[in-house]
Structures are given as C-alpha cells and as structure tokens.
C-alpha cells in the first residue's frame, strides 16, 4: 500500500512563504502524475499544481497560484511545493495525490481533476492571516 505524507504546513502572514513536501513510501516512477490539491472549509477540493515525474519539469498550475507556487521533484520519492506571496485565500488543507503510470502526449500536463487521482495523503494545514 503506497502511503503519501505531506509536511511543511503552518501559519504565515500575507506575503509570506511556505514549502510543502510530499514523501511517498515508494519511488515516484517516470510517468507518474503527482498533484497538489487544497480544500478550504465549505469548499470543494481543487487541484492547484501537477508535475509529470521524469519529464524534466512538465508542470501545470491553476490560475489562482500561477506565478506564486512552484512544484518540483526533490528526489526519487519526494516532491515539494514552494509557495510564495501567500494570500489569505490560500488558507486551506493541502493534499498530495499520485496517479501511477500515466501516458501523456509530449507537452501535455497532468490533470488537475480530483477524480483522476487514486492515492492521497492526509493533508497539511496552511493558514495565511495577519
């Protein structure tokens, strides 16, 4: 059973930064899709960033975080989400998710759709408040 563990959440002031990590109990293989989702109280879980493992940085971002968040591979079983210029509306529980062995055409990013992912972590809380 693959386990995903998120860490790095916390409380920051607007404009601050956090770096979230997602560690998998097994290697993240080439052609795996790894995504970050977030869910604020009373709202749907939304996809915000994806990375296609082994694609030399093929990423995709939701418009709400484009230019502020950056997703990258750290090592064979870890990805990190660098979050800069955080805003109060970024407050949410953040989840890492993986879909194994995804074949994508050249240049096509991984999906941001929640239903496409089968492996989930327990989440880490991010709170942005002054």
C-alpha atoms as a PDB file:
ATOM      1  CA  UNK A   1       0.000   0.000   0.000  1.00  0.00           C
ATOM      2  CA  UNK A   2       1.527   3.292  -1.115  1.00  0.00           C
ATOM      3  CA  UNK A   3       1.488   5.989   1.529  1.00  0.00           C
ATOM      4  CA  UNK A   4       1.867   9.709   0.957  1.00  0.00           C
ATOM      5  CA  UNK A   5       2.868  12.035   3.772  1.00  0.00           C
ATOM      6  CA  UNK A   6       2.618  15.795   3.492  1.00  0.00           C
ATOM      7  CA  UNK A   7       4.536  18.213   5.689  1.00  0.00           C
ATOM      8  CA  UNK A   8       5.556  21.853   5.849  1.00  0.00           C
ATOM      9  CA  UNK A   9       2.240  23.492   6.558  1.00  0.00           C
ATOM     10  CA  UNK A  10       1.821  26.210   9.133  1.00  0.00           C
ATOM     11  CA  UNK A  11       0.668  29.738   9.806  1.00  0.00           C
ATOM     12  CA  UNK A  12       2.136  32.699   7.968  1.00  0.00           C
ATOM     13  CA  UNK A  13       1.310  36.328   7.349  1.00  0.00           C
ATOM     14  CA  UNK A  14       0.159  37.540   3.936  1.00  0.00           C
ATOM     15  CA  UNK A  15       3.113  37.841   1.622  1.00  0.00           C
ATOM     16  CA  UNK A  16       4.984  35.079   3.393  1.00  0.00           C
ATOM     17  CA  UNK A  17       6.246  31.765   2.055  1.00  0.00           C
ATOM     18  CA  UNK A  18       5.969  28.099   2.887  1.00  0.00           C
ATOM     19  CA  UNK A  19       7.457  24.988   1.351  1.00  0.00           C
ATOM     20  CA  UNK A  20       5.316  21.849   1.422  1.00  0.00           C
ATOM     21  CA  UNK A  21       6.761  18.390   0.900  1.00  0.00           C
ATOM     22  CA  UNK A  22       5.132  15.171  -0.195  1.00  0.00           C
ATOM     23  CA  UNK A  23       7.003  11.982   0.598  1.00  0.00           C
ATOM     24  CA  UNK A  24       5.935   8.696  -0.938  1.00  0.00           C
ATOM     25  CA  UNK A  25       6.588   5.303   0.651  1.00  0.00           C
ATOM     26  CA  UNK A  26       7.635   4.049  -2.792  1.00  0.00           C
ATOM     27  CA  UNK A  27       9.574   5.621  -5.614  1.00  0.00           C
ATOM     28  CA  UNK A  28       7.741   8.095  -7.764  1.00  0.00           C
ATOM     29  CA  UNK A  29       8.329   6.495 -11.138  1.00  0.00           C
ATOM     30  CA  UNK A  30       8.685   8.119 -14.506  1.00  0.00           C
ATOM     31  CA  UNK A  31       5.218   8.769 -15.922  1.00  0.00           C
ATOM     32  CA  UNK A  32       3.605   9.154 -12.515  1.00  0.00           C
ATOM     33  CA  UNK A  33       1.496  12.249 -12.070  1.00  0.00           C
ATOM     34  CA  UNK A  34       1.837  14.000  -8.735  1.00  0.00           C
ATOM     35  CA  UNK A  35      -0.571  16.745  -7.822  1.00  0.00           C
ATOM     36  CA  UNK A  36      -1.344  19.125  -5.010  1.00  0.00           C
ATOM     37  CA  UNK A  37      -4.922  19.872  -4.087  1.00  0.00           C
ATOM     38  CA  UNK A  38      -6.373  22.118  -1.453  1.00  0.00           C
ATOM     39  CA  UNK A  39      -9.673  22.329   0.329  1.00  0.00           C
ATOM     40  CA  UNK A  40     -10.897  25.319   2.268  1.00  0.00           C
ATOM     41  CA  UNK A  41     -13.754  24.971   4.776  1.00  0.00           C
ATOM     42  CA  UNK A  42     -17.062  24.695   2.980  1.00  0.00           C
ATOM     43  CA  UNK A  43     -15.471  24.462  -0.442  1.00  0.00           C
ATOM     44  CA  UNK A  44     -14.688  21.731  -2.937  1.00  0.00           C
ATOM     45  CA  UNK A  45     -11.232  20.218  -3.126  1.00  0.00           C
ATOM     46  CA  UNK A  46      -9.440  21.883  -6.019  1.00  0.00           C
ATOM     47  CA  UNK A  47      -6.322  20.965  -7.945  1.00  0.00           C
ATOM     48  CA  UNK A  48      -3.649  23.644  -7.928  1.00  0.00           C
ATOM     49  CA  UNK A  49      -0.432  22.111  -9.265  1.00  0.00           C
ATOM     50  CA  UNK A  50       0.804  18.997 -11.042  1.00  0.00           C
ATOM     51  CA  UNK A  51       4.098  17.561 -12.130  1.00  0.00           C
ATOM     52  CA  UNK A  52       4.811  14.716 -14.536  1.00  0.00           C
ATOM     53  CA  UNK A  53       7.631  12.699 -13.000  1.00  0.00           C
ATOM     54  CA  UNK A  54      10.613  12.211 -15.273  1.00  0.00           C
ATOM     55  CA  UNK A  55       9.517  14.880 -17.753  1.00  0.00           C
ATOM     56  CA  UNK A  56      12.176  17.451 -16.889  1.00  0.00           C
ATOM     57  CA  UNK A  57       9.743  19.690 -15.134  1.00  0.00           C
ATOM     58  CA  UNK A  58       6.461  19.402 -17.021  1.00  0.00           C
ATOM     59  CA  UNK A  59       4.167  21.208 -14.610  1.00  0.00           C
ATOM     60  CA  UNK A  60       0.771  22.827 -14.629  1.00  0.00           C
ATOM     61  CA  UNK A  61      -0.833  25.317 -12.274  1.00  0.00           C
ATOM     62  CA  UNK A  62      -4.261  26.636 -11.572  1.00  0.00           C
ATOM     63  CA  UNK A  63      -4.648  30.319 -12.399  1.00  0.00           C
ATOM     64  CA  UNK A  64      -5.101  31.109  -8.713  1.00  0.00           C
ATOM     65  CA  UNK A  65      -1.498  30.110  -7.928  1.00  0.00           C
ATOM     66  CA  UNK A  66       0.268  30.626 -11.257  1.00  0.00           C
ATOM     67  CA  UNK A  67       3.411  32.676 -10.749  1.00  0.00           C
ATOM     68  CA  UNK A  68       3.379  32.255  -6.984  1.00  0.00           C
ATOM     69  CA  UNK A  69       3.670  28.490  -6.482  1.00  0.00           C
ATOM     70  CA  UNK A  70       6.314  26.180  -7.909  1.00  0.00           C
ATOM     71  CA  UNK A  71       6.246  22.378  -7.885  1.00  0.00           C
ATOM     72  CA  UNK A  72       9.432  20.369  -8.291  1.00  0.00           C
ATOM     73  CA  UNK A  73      10.961  16.929  -7.834  1.00  0.00           C
ATOM     74  CA  UNK A  74      13.317  16.730  -4.868  1.00  0.00           C
ATOM     75  CA  UNK A  75      14.400  13.110  -5.074  1.00  0.00           C
ATOM     76  CA  UNK A  76      13.054   9.721  -6.087  1.00  0.00           C
ATOM     77  CA  UNK A  77      10.205   9.772  -3.582  1.00  0.00           C
ATOM     78  CA  UNK A  78       9.693  13.449  -2.756  1.00  0.00           C
ATOM     79  CA  UNK A  79       8.189  16.479  -4.423  1.00  0.00           C
ATOM     80  CA  UNK A  80       7.977  19.941  -2.959  1.00  0.00           C
ATOM     81  CA  UNK A  81       5.589  22.824  -3.455  1.00  0.00           C
ATOM     82  CA  UNK A  82       7.177  26.221  -2.916  1.00  0.00           C
ATOM     83  CA  UNK A  83       4.507  28.769  -2.096  1.00  0.00           C
ATOM     84  CA  UNK A  84       5.412  32.450  -2.239  1.00  0.00           C
ATOM     85  CA  UNK A  85       3.432  35.646  -1.777  1.00  0.00           C
ATOM     86  CA  UNK A  86       0.778  33.785   0.158  1.00  0.00           C
ATOM     87  CA  UNK A  87      -2.671  35.330   0.437  1.00  0.00           C
ATOM     88  CA  UNK A  88      -5.480  34.793   2.961  1.00  0.00           C
ATOM     89  CA  UNK A  89      -7.448  32.985   0.256  1.00  0.00           C
ATOM     90  CA  UNK A  90      -4.680  30.350   0.152  1.00  0.00           C
ATOM     91  CA  UNK A  91      -5.791  29.167   3.586  1.00  0.00           C
ATOM     92  CA  UNK A  92      -6.794  25.524   3.252  1.00  0.00           C
ATOM     93  CA  UNK A  93      -5.831  21.938   3.915  1.00  0.00           C
ATOM     94  CA  UNK A  94      -3.301  20.903   1.281  1.00  0.00           C
ATOM     95  CA  UNK A  95      -3.190  17.366  -0.056  1.00  0.00           C
ATOM     96  CA  UNK A  96      -0.711  15.468  -2.181  1.00  0.00           C
ATOM     97  CA  UNK A  97      -2.047  12.924  -4.664  1.00  0.00           C
ATOM     98  CA  UNK A  98      -0.497  10.480  -7.108  1.00  0.00           C
ATOM     99  CA  UNK A  99      -1.672   8.635 -10.173  1.00  0.00           C
ATOM    100  CA  UNK A 100       0.710   5.904 -11.298  1.00  0.00           C
ATOM    101  CA  UNK A 101       1.826   5.146 -14.853  1.00  0.00           C
ATOM    102  CA  UNK A 102       0.151   7.871 -16.878  1.00  0.00           C
ATOM    103  CA  UNK A 103       0.905   8.070 -20.605  1.00  0.00           C
ATOM    104  CA  UNK A 104       0.754  11.646 -21.862  1.00  0.00           C
ATOM    105  CA  UNK A 105       1.452  13.137 -25.263  1.00  0.00           C
ATOM    106  CA  UNK A 106       4.504  15.352 -25.456  1.00  0.00           C
ATOM    107  CA  UNK A 107       3.844  18.664 -23.736  1.00  0.00           C
ATOM    108  CA  UNK A 108       0.521  17.669 -22.218  1.00  0.00           C
ATOM    109  CA  UNK A 109       0.479  18.207 -18.455  1.00  0.00           C
ATOM    110  CA  UNK A 110      -1.059  16.004 -15.821  1.00  0.00           C
ATOM    111  CA  UNK A 111      -4.685  16.562 -14.956  1.00  0.00           C
ATOM    112  CA  UNK A 112      -5.845  18.853 -12.172  1.00  0.00           C
ATOM    113  CA  UNK A 113      -9.014  16.839 -11.795  1.00  0.00           C
ATOM    114  CA  UNK A 114      -9.655  15.286  -8.420  1.00  0.00           C
ATOM    115  CA  UNK A 115     -11.258  12.157  -9.842  1.00  0.00           C
ATOM    116  CA  UNK A 116      -8.098  11.313 -11.794  1.00  0.00           C
ATOM    117  CA  UNK A 117      -6.074  10.575  -8.673  1.00  0.00           C
ATOM    118  CA  UNK A 118      -6.224   7.378  -6.670  1.00  0.00           C
ATOM    119  CA  UNK A 119      -3.558   7.813  -3.975  1.00  0.00           C
ATOM    120  CA  UNK A 120      -3.941  10.537  -1.371  1.00  0.00           C
ATOM    121  CA  UNK A 121      -2.135  11.823   1.681  1.00  0.00           C
ATOM    122  CA  UNK A 122      -3.742  13.019   4.900  1.00  0.00           C
ATOM    123  CA  UNK A 123      -3.063  16.672   4.283  1.00  0.00           C
ATOM    124  CA  UNK A 124      -1.235  19.554   5.913  1.00  0.00           C
ATOM    125  CA  UNK A 125      -2.887  22.780   7.043  1.00  0.00           C
ATOM    126  CA  UNK A 126      -1.850  26.153   5.664  1.00  0.00           C
ATOM    127  CA  UNK A 127      -3.204  29.290   7.307  1.00  0.00           C
ATOM    128  CA  UNK A 128      -2.490  32.756   5.971  1.00  0.00           C
ATOM    129  CA  UNK A 129      -3.574  35.514   8.306  1.00  0.00           C
ATOM    130  CA  UNK A 130      -2.380  38.795   9.700  1.00  0.00           C
END
